[in-house]
Amino acid sequence: MKKVLKIAGYSVVAILAVIAAGVIYMQYAFPNVDAAPTITIKKSPEMIARGEYIANHVAVCIDCHSERDWSKFAGPIKPGTHGKGGDRFDQTMGFPGVFYAKNITSDKETGIGSWTDGELYRALTAGVSKDGDPLFPMMPYNAFRQMREQDLHAVIAYIRTLEPIKNEVPKSDPDFPFNLILRTMPATPEKLPEPVLDSPVAKGKYLFTMASCGECHTPNDKGKVVEGMYLAGGAEFQFPNGAILRSANITPDKEAGIGAWTEDDFVNRFKQNLEPEMANRKIAPGEFNSIMPWQMYAGMKEEDLRAIYQYLKTVEPNKNKVVKFSPAPAKS
C-alpha cells in the first residue's frame, strides 16, 4: 500500500511539474509577434484631421479610452477626459477578468508619450503593448489590421496630439486560465493587399470593419461567433445593476432587422443624436440606456453612413428577434 501511495505521489509531482513548465513556457514564449517596426509617421494637418475623424467617429477609439457620463443617454464623453483611459471592464459585465482601457494621451509617465510610432502601430495591428504584454481583443486589433496603411498612420498622428493627462491606469488582471489563452491571441498581421474602395458597398464594408460593428452585433458563445448569426444581434451586455442590453439585429430582414428602413431612415437614426435634446438627455436609474456611443457615430459623414447602409443591404437576412433591454431585477 505504501508503495502504491509513493508511486501516486511521484505521479502527482510529475504532473504538477509538467503543468508548471507549461505555464512558464506560455509566459515566456507568447505573445509570439515580431518586434515593433521602425517607422516615423508624418504628422501633417491633413493626416491629423483624418485620424481625428476615424478615432472619434468611425473606429471610435476615443470612446473606450475616455471617461463617459452614464447619467446621460449613451454615455457621452466627459469634457477634458479624452484619451485618459481607466474605463473598467470586469466579470460583472461578462468579461474573463478585470480589464482597463489604457491612457493614450501623450503623457510620458502614464500615457503613450514614450512609445514609438512603431510600437503604436504594432499595438493597433498585432495586439501587444510597448512592453510586449497581450492586449485584450476588445481593443479590436483584428479589425484595425485590415485598415489602409494611411488610415492607420493617420490615427497614430492624431493620438499624438491628445493633450497629456496624468492618469495611472491599473494593469489588467485576466482570470485563469484565460490569462494564458490571452497570451496566444496576438499575432503579427499577414501583409494583405490594400482595400480597394471602388464602390459604395466596398467602402461601406471597409468602414463597417474599421468600426468593429460586427463585434457587438453578432452573438458569440464563450468568445466564438455563433455560426449563421452574423449581425443577427442578441449579444448581451450587462450593466453593473444587473440590467441587460442586447445588440440589435442589423441584417436586412424586414421584420427582425433593418430591412424595412430606407437609406434616409438609417442616416437619420445616427444624425438625430446630434440634436441637443438627445445629446443631453438624462437617464433615470433603471431606465433604458445604450452602451453604443451614438453621439460619436453621429459625427460620421453622411456619405460614409450611406455606404455602410449599402453594405448592410448585401448581408444575409436573419429573422432573429431581439428583446432589446431587460431591466435590473427588483431588489428583495
Protein backbone atom coordinates (compact mmCIF):
# COMPACT_ATOMS: atom_id res chain seq x y z
CA MET A 1 0.00 0.00 0.00
CA LYS A 2 2.82 2.39 0.91
CA LYS A 3 4.48 1.66 -2.42
CA VAL A 4 1.26 2.48 -4.28
CA LEU A 5 0.90 5.76 -2.37
CA LYS A 6 4.55 6.58 -3.06
CA ILE A 7 4.09 5.99 -6.79
CA ALA A 8 0.89 8.07 -6.76
CA GLY A 9 2.75 10.87 -5.00
CA TYR A 10 5.51 10.82 -7.59
CA SER A 11 2.89 10.90 -10.34
CA VAL A 12 1.20 13.95 -8.84
CA VAL A 13 4.54 15.73 -8.51
CA ALA A 14 5.38 14.87 -12.13
CA ILE A 15 2.03 16.16 -13.36
CA LEU A 16 2.41 19.40 -11.38
CA ALA A 17 5.92 19.82 -12.78
CA VAL A 18 4.62 19.43 -16.34
CA ILE A 19 1.83 21.96 -15.68
CA ALA A 20 4.31 24.41 -14.14
CA ALA A 21 6.65 24.01 -17.10
CA GLY A 22 3.76 24.62 -19.47
CA VAL A 23 2.72 27.79 -17.64
CA ILE A 24 6.31 29.08 -17.64
CA TYR A 25 6.59 28.32 -21.35
CA MET A 26 3.35 30.22 -22.10
CA GLN A 27 4.57 33.18 -20.07
CA TYR A 28 7.87 33.47 -21.93
CA ALA A 29 7.11 32.14 -25.43
CA PHE A 30 3.99 34.25 -26.02
CA PRO A 31 2.88 36.63 -27.36
CA ASN A 32 4.82 35.49 -30.40
CA VAL A 33 4.92 38.65 -32.52
CA ASP A 34 7.58 40.49 -34.47
CA ALA A 35 9.43 43.43 -33.00
CA ALA A 36 7.80 46.83 -33.47
CA PRO A 37 8.65 48.28 -36.90
CA THR A 38 10.93 51.29 -37.16
CA ILE A 39 8.67 53.95 -38.65
CA THR A 40 8.25 57.71 -38.31
CA ILE A 41 4.81 58.95 -39.25
CA LYS A 42 4.40 62.31 -40.95
CA LYS A 43 2.05 64.40 -38.85
CA SER A 44 0.62 66.81 -41.41
CA PRO A 45 -2.59 68.77 -40.68
CA GLU A 46 -4.42 66.63 -43.26
CA MET A 47 -3.17 63.40 -41.68
CA ILE A 48 -4.16 64.55 -38.18
CA ALA A 49 -7.62 65.62 -39.38
CA ARG A 50 -8.21 62.22 -41.00
CA GLY A 51 -7.05 60.47 -37.82
CA GLU A 52 -9.29 62.62 -35.65
CA TYR A 53 -12.27 61.70 -37.81
CA ILE A 54 -11.53 57.96 -37.67
CA ALA A 55 -10.70 57.88 -33.95
CA ASN A 56 -13.77 59.87 -32.93
CA HIS A 57 -16.45 58.95 -35.44
CA VAL A 58 -15.64 55.64 -37.17
CA ALA A 59 -13.33 53.40 -35.14
CA VAL A 60 -14.29 55.47 -32.05
CA CYS A 61 -11.03 54.67 -30.23
CA ILE A 62 -11.66 57.69 -28.00
CA ASP A 63 -14.87 56.11 -26.72
CA CYS A 64 -13.23 53.35 -24.64
CA HIS A 65 -10.17 55.42 -23.76
CA SER A 66 -12.09 58.29 -22.13
CA GLU A 67 -14.50 58.74 -19.24
CA ARG A 68 -18.19 58.50 -20.13
CA ASP A 69 -21.12 60.18 -18.39
CA TRP A 70 -23.60 57.38 -17.73
CA SER A 71 -26.12 59.77 -16.23
CA LYS A 72 -26.92 60.69 -19.86
CA PHE A 73 -28.18 58.59 -22.75
CA ALA A 74 -25.45 56.51 -24.44
CA GLY A 75 -22.78 57.77 -22.04
CA PRO A 76 -21.26 60.76 -23.87
CA ILE A 77 -17.61 61.53 -23.15
CA LYS A 78 -16.98 63.86 -20.23
CA PRO A 79 -15.16 67.03 -21.35
CA GLY A 80 -11.47 67.03 -20.52
CA THR A 81 -11.12 63.24 -20.35
CA HIS A 82 -10.28 62.45 -23.97
CA GLY A 83 -7.78 59.60 -24.03
CA LYS A 84 -7.15 59.41 -20.26
CA GLY A 85 -8.16 55.74 -20.08
CA GLY A 86 -9.19 53.88 -16.96
CA ASP A 87 -12.53 52.52 -18.16
CA ARG A 88 -13.04 49.19 -16.33
CA PHE A 89 -14.47 46.03 -17.86
CA ASP A 90 -14.90 43.14 -15.42
CA GLN A 91 -16.73 39.93 -14.55
CA THR A 92 -19.98 41.75 -13.76
CA MET A 93 -20.10 42.66 -17.45
CA GLY A 94 -19.26 39.13 -18.63
CA PHE A 95 -15.50 39.59 -19.10
CA PRO A 96 -12.99 36.84 -18.14
CA GLY A 97 -11.15 39.04 -15.69
CA VAL A 98 -10.66 42.74 -15.00
CA PHE A 99 -9.50 44.87 -17.92
CA TYR A 100 -8.75 48.58 -18.16
CA ALA A 101 -8.58 50.87 -21.19
CA LYS A 102 -5.12 52.39 -21.36
CA ASN A 103 -4.20 56.05 -21.11
CA ILE A 104 -3.44 57.02 -24.73
CA THR A 105 -2.64 60.68 -24.13
CA SER A 106 0.87 61.97 -24.72
CA ASP A 107 1.80 61.90 -21.02
CA LYS A 108 5.24 60.24 -20.86
CA GLU A 109 4.78 58.56 -17.49
CA THR A 110 1.21 57.26 -17.53
CA GLY A 111 0.29 57.52 -21.23
CA ILE A 112 1.92 56.70 -24.56
CA GLY A 113 4.28 59.68 -24.68
CA SER A 114 7.32 57.38 -24.52
CA TRP A 115 6.02 54.93 -27.17
CA THR A 116 7.49 54.99 -30.65
CA ASP A 117 5.28 55.22 -33.73
CA GLY A 118 6.21 51.61 -34.48
CA GLU A 119 5.09 50.47 -31.03
CA LEU A 120 1.73 52.18 -31.50
CA TYR A 121 1.41 50.62 -34.96
CA ARG A 122 2.17 47.17 -33.51
CA ALA A 123 -0.40 47.66 -30.72
CA LEU A 124 -3.09 48.56 -33.27
CA THR A 125 -2.35 45.69 -35.63
CA ALA A 126 -0.78 42.89 -33.56
CA GLY A 127 -2.34 43.40 -30.14
CA VAL A 128 0.66 43.90 -27.84
CA SER A 129 1.76 46.80 -25.69
CA LYS A 130 5.09 48.62 -25.71
CA ASP A 131 6.37 46.03 -23.22
CA GLY A 132 5.07 43.10 -25.24
CA ASP A 133 2.10 42.34 -23.00
CA PRO A 134 -1.02 41.00 -24.78
CA LEU A 135 -3.94 43.38 -25.22
CA PHE A 136 -7.47 42.14 -24.63
CA PRO A 137 -9.14 41.94 -28.08
CA MET A 138 -11.89 44.33 -27.04
CA MET A 139 -9.23 46.64 -28.48
CA PRO A 140 -10.12 45.39 -31.98
CA TYR A 141 -6.70 44.89 -33.48
CA ASN A 142 -8.08 42.11 -35.71
CA ALA A 143 -10.22 44.78 -37.40
CA PHE A 144 -7.61 47.53 -37.33
CA ARG A 145 -5.05 45.34 -39.11
CA GLN A 146 -7.40 45.39 -42.11
CA MET A 147 -7.22 49.20 -42.38
CA ARG A 148 -5.38 51.02 -45.10
CA GLU A 149 -1.84 51.93 -44.12
CA GLN A 150 -2.52 55.64 -44.49
CA ASP A 151 -5.52 55.42 -42.16
CA LEU A 152 -3.51 53.57 -39.51
CA HIS A 153 -0.84 56.24 -39.75
CA ALA A 154 -3.49 58.94 -39.53
CA VAL A 155 -4.88 57.53 -36.27
CA ILE A 156 -1.40 57.44 -34.75
CA ALA A 157 -0.72 61.00 -35.92
CA TYR A 158 -3.93 62.18 -34.25
CA ILE A 159 -3.35 60.30 -30.98
CA ARG A 160 -0.01 62.09 -30.72
CA THR A 161 -1.91 65.39 -30.50
CA LEU A 162 -4.00 64.44 -27.44
CA GLU A 163 -3.25 66.70 -24.50
CA PRO A 164 -1.25 64.86 -21.81
CA ILE A 165 -3.33 63.74 -18.83
CA LYS A 166 -1.53 62.20 -15.89
CA ASN A 167 -3.69 59.19 -15.05
CA GLU A 168 -2.11 55.97 -13.80
CA VAL A 169 -4.30 53.12 -15.07
CA PRO A 170 -4.15 49.77 -13.20
CA LYS A 171 -2.82 46.74 -15.05
CA SER A 172 -5.45 44.40 -16.43
CA ASP A 173 -5.89 41.16 -14.49
CA PRO A 174 -7.35 38.32 -16.62
CA ASP A 175 -8.72 35.26 -14.83
CA PHE A 176 -7.00 31.87 -15.01
CA PRO A 177 -6.78 30.13 -17.47
CA PHE A 178 -7.73 33.00 -19.79
CA ASN A 179 -4.55 34.80 -18.73
CA LEU A 180 -2.64 32.07 -20.60
CA ILE A 181 -5.05 31.90 -23.54
CA LEU A 182 -4.80 35.69 -23.94
CA ARG A 183 -1.06 35.41 -24.50
CA THR A 184 -1.63 33.26 -27.59
CA MET A 185 -4.09 35.65 -29.24
CA PRO A 186 -1.84 38.47 -30.56
CA ALA A 187 -0.14 37.76 -33.87
CA THR A 188 1.97 39.56 -36.42
CA PRO A 189 -0.54 40.56 -39.12
CA GLU A 190 -0.25 38.98 -42.50
CA LYS A 191 0.53 41.51 -45.20
CA LEU A 192 -2.72 41.96 -47.13
CA PRO A 193 -3.45 43.97 -50.28
CA GLU A 194 -4.71 47.49 -49.60
CA PRO A 195 -8.54 47.57 -49.56
CA VAL A 196 -9.98 48.74 -52.89
CA LEU A 197 -12.79 51.22 -52.24
CA ASP A 198 -14.20 51.38 -55.75
CA SER A 199 -17.92 51.21 -54.88
CA PRO A 200 -20.28 52.30 -52.08
CA VAL A 201 -20.59 48.67 -50.93
CA ALA A 202 -16.80 48.19 -50.79
CA LYS A 203 -16.37 51.47 -48.94
CA GLY A 204 -19.21 50.59 -46.57
CA LYS A 205 -17.71 47.22 -45.75
CA TYR A 206 -14.34 48.86 -45.10
CA LEU A 207 -15.82 51.45 -42.73
CA PHE A 208 -18.01 48.83 -41.07
CA THR A 209 -14.96 46.62 -40.42
CA MET A 210 -12.95 49.55 -39.11
CA ALA A 211 -15.79 50.41 -36.73
CA SER A 212 -15.89 46.78 -35.48
CA CYS A 213 -19.69 46.81 -35.66
CA GLY A 214 -19.76 43.05 -36.13
CA GLU A 215 -18.13 42.51 -32.73
CA CYS A 216 -21.22 43.77 -30.89
CA HIS A 217 -23.96 42.88 -33.35
CA THR A 218 -23.01 39.22 -33.76
CA PRO A 219 -23.74 36.92 -30.80
CA ASN A 220 -20.93 34.73 -29.53
CA ASP A 221 -20.58 31.79 -27.19
CA LYS A 222 -17.51 31.85 -24.94
CA GLY A 223 -15.70 34.13 -27.36
CA LYS A 224 -16.62 32.19 -30.51
CA VAL A 225 -19.02 33.63 -33.09
CA VAL A 226 -22.30 31.70 -33.26
CA GLU A 227 -22.50 30.15 -36.73
CA GLY A 228 -25.19 31.56 -39.01
CA MET A 229 -25.80 34.60 -36.78
CA TYR A 230 -23.66 37.26 -38.44
CA LEU A 231 -25.11 40.66 -37.44
CA ALA A 232 -28.29 39.00 -36.15
CA GLY A 233 -27.97 40.79 -32.81
CA GLY A 234 -28.69 39.45 -29.37
CA ALA A 235 -25.20 39.77 -27.89
CA GLU A 236 -25.73 40.61 -24.22
CA PHE A 237 -24.14 43.44 -22.27
CA GLN A 238 -24.81 43.53 -18.56
CA PHE A 239 -24.85 46.77 -16.60
CA PRO A 240 -23.46 46.72 -13.04
CA ASN A 241 -27.02 46.92 -11.64
CA GLY A 242 -27.99 43.68 -13.42
CA ALA A 243 -29.89 45.25 -16.34
CA ILE A 244 -29.12 43.59 -19.68
CA LEU A 245 -28.80 45.36 -23.02
CA ARG A 246 -28.84 43.31 -26.21
CA SER A 247 -27.42 44.37 -29.55
CA ALA A 248 -29.83 44.95 -32.43
CA ASN A 249 -30.33 42.73 -35.44
CA ILE A 250 -28.90 44.84 -38.29
CA THR A 251 -29.36 42.33 -41.10
CA PRO A 252 -31.80 43.38 -43.89
CA ASP A 253 -34.62 41.19 -42.57
CA LYS A 254 -37.81 43.26 -42.89
CA GLU A 255 -39.35 42.15 -39.60
CA ALA A 256 -36.49 41.48 -37.18
CA GLY A 257 -33.75 43.63 -38.74
CA ILE A 258 -33.42 46.88 -40.69
CA GLY A 259 -34.84 45.61 -43.98
CA ALA A 260 -37.78 47.99 -43.80
CA TRP A 261 -35.53 51.01 -43.22
CA THR A 262 -34.79 53.38 -46.07
CA GLU A 263 -31.31 54.79 -46.53
CA ASP A 264 -32.56 58.08 -45.09
CA ASP A 265 -34.01 56.26 -42.08
CA PHE A 266 -30.60 54.74 -41.42
CA VAL A 267 -28.76 58.06 -41.69
CA ASN A 268 -31.31 59.87 -39.51
CA ARG A 269 -31.06 57.18 -36.82
CA PHE A 270 -27.49 58.36 -36.30
CA LYS A 271 -27.78 62.06 -37.04
CA GLN A 272 -30.65 62.62 -34.59
CA ASN A 273 -28.15 62.10 -31.79
CA LEU A 274 -26.52 65.42 -32.66
CA GLU A 275 -29.65 67.24 -31.50
CA PRO A 276 -29.15 68.91 -28.07
CA GLU A 277 -32.21 67.22 -26.54
CA MET A 278 -30.75 63.81 -27.45
CA ALA A 279 -27.15 64.64 -26.63
CA ASN A 280 -28.02 65.89 -23.13
CA ARG A 281 -30.89 63.54 -22.25
CA LYS A 282 -30.70 62.49 -18.62
CA ILE A 283 -31.33 58.83 -17.74
CA ALA A 284 -33.14 57.86 -14.57
CA PRO A 285 -31.85 54.85 -12.57
CA GLY A 286 -33.17 51.64 -14.15
CA GLU A 287 -34.25 53.39 -17.35
CA PHE A 288 -33.17 52.02 -20.74
CA ASN A 289 -29.69 53.10 -21.72
CA SER A 290 -27.32 52.16 -24.54
CA ILE A 291 -23.60 51.46 -24.49
CA MET A 292 -23.36 52.36 -28.18
CA PRO A 293 -21.63 55.77 -28.41
CA TRP A 294 -24.36 57.29 -30.57
CA GLN A 295 -23.05 60.85 -30.41
CA MET A 296 -19.64 59.82 -31.69
CA TYR A 297 -21.06 57.79 -34.58
CA ALA A 298 -23.45 60.66 -35.31
CA GLY A 299 -20.41 62.68 -36.38
CA MET A 300 -19.73 60.28 -39.24
CA LYS A 301 -20.02 61.79 -42.70
CA GLU A 302 -23.38 61.23 -44.33
CA GLU A 303 -21.78 59.66 -47.38
CA ASP A 304 -20.00 57.16 -45.12
CA LEU A 305 -23.21 56.24 -43.29
CA ARG A 306 -24.92 55.72 -46.64
CA ALA A 307 -22.07 53.47 -47.76
CA ILE A 308 -22.45 51.35 -44.60
CA TYR A 309 -26.18 51.05 -45.28
CA GLN A 310 -25.43 49.86 -48.82
CA TYR A 311 -23.09 47.20 -47.42
CA LEU A 312 -25.65 46.02 -44.84
CA LYS A 313 -28.20 45.52 -47.63
CA THR A 314 -25.89 42.82 -49.06
CA VAL A 315 -25.81 40.80 -45.83
CA GLU A 316 -27.88 37.62 -45.49
CA PRO A 317 -31.19 38.47 -43.72
CA ASN A 318 -31.75 36.81 -40.36
CA LYS A 319 -35.11 36.52 -38.59
CA ASN A 320 -33.63 36.62 -35.09
CA LYS A 321 -35.95 38.77 -32.96
CA VAL A 322 -34.13 40.57 -30.19
CA VAL A 323 -35.52 41.71 -26.85
CA LYS A 324 -33.55 44.92 -26.63
CA PHE A 325 -33.49 45.50 -22.88
CA SER A 326 -34.23 43.68 -19.63
CA PRO A 327 -34.39 45.97 -16.57
CA ALA A 328 -32.44 45.20 -13.44
CA PRO A 329 -34.09 42.63 -11.16
CA ALA A 330 -36.19 44.14 -8.38
CA LYS A 331 -34.36 44.25 -5.05
CA SER A 332 -35.88 41.96 -2.45
